[in-house]
Amino acid sequence: MEDWSSLYKFARLAALAAALVGIAVWLFRPSQKERLEAPARRMLEEDEG
């Protein structure tokens, strides 16, 4: 029974790591970068104007 518990813990950790990597890839892809930076540029333009 101890083997199943350790296997479950490892699978849970692997799933968490995969989710975090997936989120990081989604956030840092080039098309997403442009979408995230647009509001920052807009705020800078409003401050200068």
N, C-alpha and C. Protein backbone atom coordinates (compact mmCIF):
# COMPACT_ATOMS: atom_id res chain seq x y z
N MET A 1 0.82 -1.20 0.00
CA MET A 1 0.00 0.00 0.00
C MET A 1 0.86 1.27 0.00
N GLU A 2 2.05 1.19 0.57
CA GLU A 2 2.95 2.35 0.62
C GLU A 2 3.36 2.78 -0.80
N ASP A 3 3.49 1.84 -1.71
CA ASP A 3 3.88 2.16 -3.08
C ASP A 3 2.83 3.04 -3.76
N TRP A 4 1.55 2.74 -3.53
CA TRP A 4 0.48 3.53 -4.15
C TRP A 4 0.47 4.96 -3.61
N SER A 5 0.74 5.10 -2.32
CA SER A 5 0.75 6.43 -1.71
C SER A 5 1.87 7.29 -2.29
N SER A 6 3.05 6.71 -2.41
CA SER A 6 4.17 7.47 -2.97
C SER A 6 3.95 7.76 -4.45
N LEU A 7 3.34 6.82 -5.17
CA LEU A 7 3.03 7.05 -6.58
C LEU A 7 2.01 8.18 -6.73
N TYR A 8 1.02 8.21 -5.86
CA TYR A 8 0.01 9.27 -5.89
C TYR A 8 0.66 10.63 -5.61
N LYS A 9 1.53 10.68 -4.61
CA LYS A 9 2.19 11.94 -4.28
C LYS A 9 3.06 12.43 -5.43
N PHE A 10 3.76 11.50 -6.08
CA PHE A 10 4.60 11.88 -7.22
C PHE A 10 3.74 12.38 -8.38
N ALA A 11 2.64 11.70 -8.65
CA ALA A 11 1.75 12.10 -9.75
C ALA A 11 1.13 13.47 -9.46
N ARG A 12 0.79 13.72 -8.22
CA ARG A 12 0.22 15.02 -7.85
C ARG A 12 1.25 16.13 -8.06
N LEU A 13 2.48 15.88 -7.68
CA LEU A 13 3.54 16.86 -7.87
C LEU A 13 3.82 17.08 -9.35
N ALA A 14 3.82 16.00 -10.14
CA ALA A 14 4.05 16.12 -11.57
C ALA A 14 2.92 16.91 -12.24
N ALA A 15 1.68 16.70 -11.80
CA ALA A 15 0.55 17.44 -12.37
C ALA A 15 0.66 18.93 -12.04
N LEU A 16 1.07 19.25 -10.82
CA LEU A 16 1.26 20.65 -10.44
C LEU A 16 2.36 21.29 -11.27
N ALA A 17 3.47 20.59 -11.44
CA ALA A 17 4.58 21.12 -12.23
C ALA A 17 4.15 21.33 -13.68
N ALA A 18 3.40 20.38 -14.24
CA ALA A 18 2.93 20.51 -15.62
C ALA A 18 1.99 21.71 -15.76
N ALA A 19 1.14 21.92 -14.78
CA ALA A 19 0.22 23.06 -14.83
C ALA A 19 0.99 24.37 -14.77
N LEU A 20 1.99 24.46 -13.91
CA LEU A 20 2.77 25.69 -13.81
C LEU A 20 3.57 25.96 -15.09
N VAL A 21 4.13 24.92 -15.67
CA VAL A 21 4.85 25.09 -16.93
C VAL A 21 3.89 25.52 -18.03
N GLY A 22 2.71 24.92 -18.06
CA GLY A 22 1.72 25.30 -19.06
C GLY A 22 1.31 26.75 -18.93
N ILE A 23 1.10 27.21 -17.72
CA ILE A 23 0.74 28.61 -17.49
C ILE A 23 1.87 29.53 -17.93
N ALA A 24 3.10 29.18 -17.59
CA ALA A 24 4.25 30.01 -17.97
C ALA A 24 4.39 30.09 -19.49
N VAL A 25 4.23 28.96 -20.17
CA VAL A 25 4.31 28.96 -21.64
C VAL A 25 3.20 29.82 -22.22
N TRP A 26 2.00 29.71 -21.68
CA TRP A 26 0.87 30.49 -22.19
C TRP A 26 1.10 31.99 -21.98
N LEU A 27 1.66 32.36 -20.83
CA LEU A 27 1.87 33.78 -20.54
C LEU A 27 2.97 34.40 -21.38
N PHE A 28 4.02 33.64 -21.66
CA PHE A 28 5.20 34.22 -22.28
C PHE A 28 5.31 33.96 -23.77
N ARG A 29 4.24 33.50 -24.41
CA ARG A 29 4.30 33.35 -25.87
C ARG A 29 4.19 34.74 -26.49
N PRO A 30 4.74 34.93 -27.68
CA PRO A 30 4.81 36.28 -28.27
C PRO A 30 3.47 36.98 -28.43
N SER A 31 2.43 36.28 -28.86
CA SER A 31 1.14 36.95 -29.07
C SER A 31 0.55 37.42 -27.75
N GLN A 32 0.78 36.69 -26.70
CA GLN A 32 0.27 37.07 -25.38
C GLN A 32 1.05 38.27 -24.84
N LYS A 33 2.34 38.33 -25.13
CA LYS A 33 3.17 39.43 -24.65
C LYS A 33 2.65 40.77 -25.18
N GLU A 34 2.30 40.79 -26.44
CA GLU A 34 1.77 42.02 -27.04
C GLU A 34 0.47 42.44 -26.35
N ARG A 35 -0.38 41.48 -26.07
CA ARG A 35 -1.66 41.79 -25.43
C ARG A 35 -1.46 42.30 -24.01
N LEU A 36 -0.46 41.77 -23.30
CA LEU A 36 -0.21 42.20 -21.93
C LEU A 36 0.47 43.56 -21.86
N GLU A 37 1.25 43.90 -22.87
CA GLU A 37 1.98 45.17 -22.83
C GLU A 37 1.16 46.35 -23.34
N ALA A 38 0.10 46.10 -24.07
CA ALA A 38 -0.70 47.18 -24.64
C ALA A 38 -1.28 48.10 -23.57
N PRO A 39 -1.88 47.60 -22.49
CA PRO A 39 -2.39 48.52 -21.46
C PRO A 39 -1.29 49.35 -20.79
N ALA A 40 -0.11 48.77 -20.63
CA ALA A 40 0.99 49.52 -20.02
C ALA A 40 1.40 50.67 -20.92
N ARG A 41 1.49 50.42 -22.22
CA ARG A 41 1.83 51.50 -23.15
C ARG A 41 0.76 52.58 -23.16
N ARG A 42 -0.51 52.16 -23.09
CA ARG A 42 -1.61 53.12 -23.07
C ARG A 42 -1.52 54.02 -21.83
N MET A 43 -1.20 53.43 -20.68
CA MET A 43 -1.09 54.23 -19.45
C MET A 43 0.06 55.21 -19.55
N LEU A 44 1.19 54.78 -20.14
CA LEU A 44 2.32 55.70 -20.29
C LEU A 44 1.97 56.85 -21.22
N GLU A 45 1.24 56.55 -22.29
CA GLU A 45 0.84 57.60 -23.22
C GLU A 45 -0.10 58.60 -22.54
N GLU A 46 -1.01 58.10 -21.68
CA GLU A 46 -1.93 59.01 -20.97
C GLU A 46 -1.18 59.89 -19.98
N ASP A 47 -0.14 59.34 -19.33
CA ASP A 47 0.64 60.14 -18.39
C ASP A 47 1.43 61.24 -19.08
N GLU A 48 1.93 60.97 -20.27
CA GLU A 48 2.70 61.97 -21.00
C GLU A 48 1.81 63.07 -21.59
N GLY A 49 0.57 62.71 -21.91
CA GLY A 49 -0.31 63.66 -22.60
C GLY A 49 -0.99 64.65 -21.73
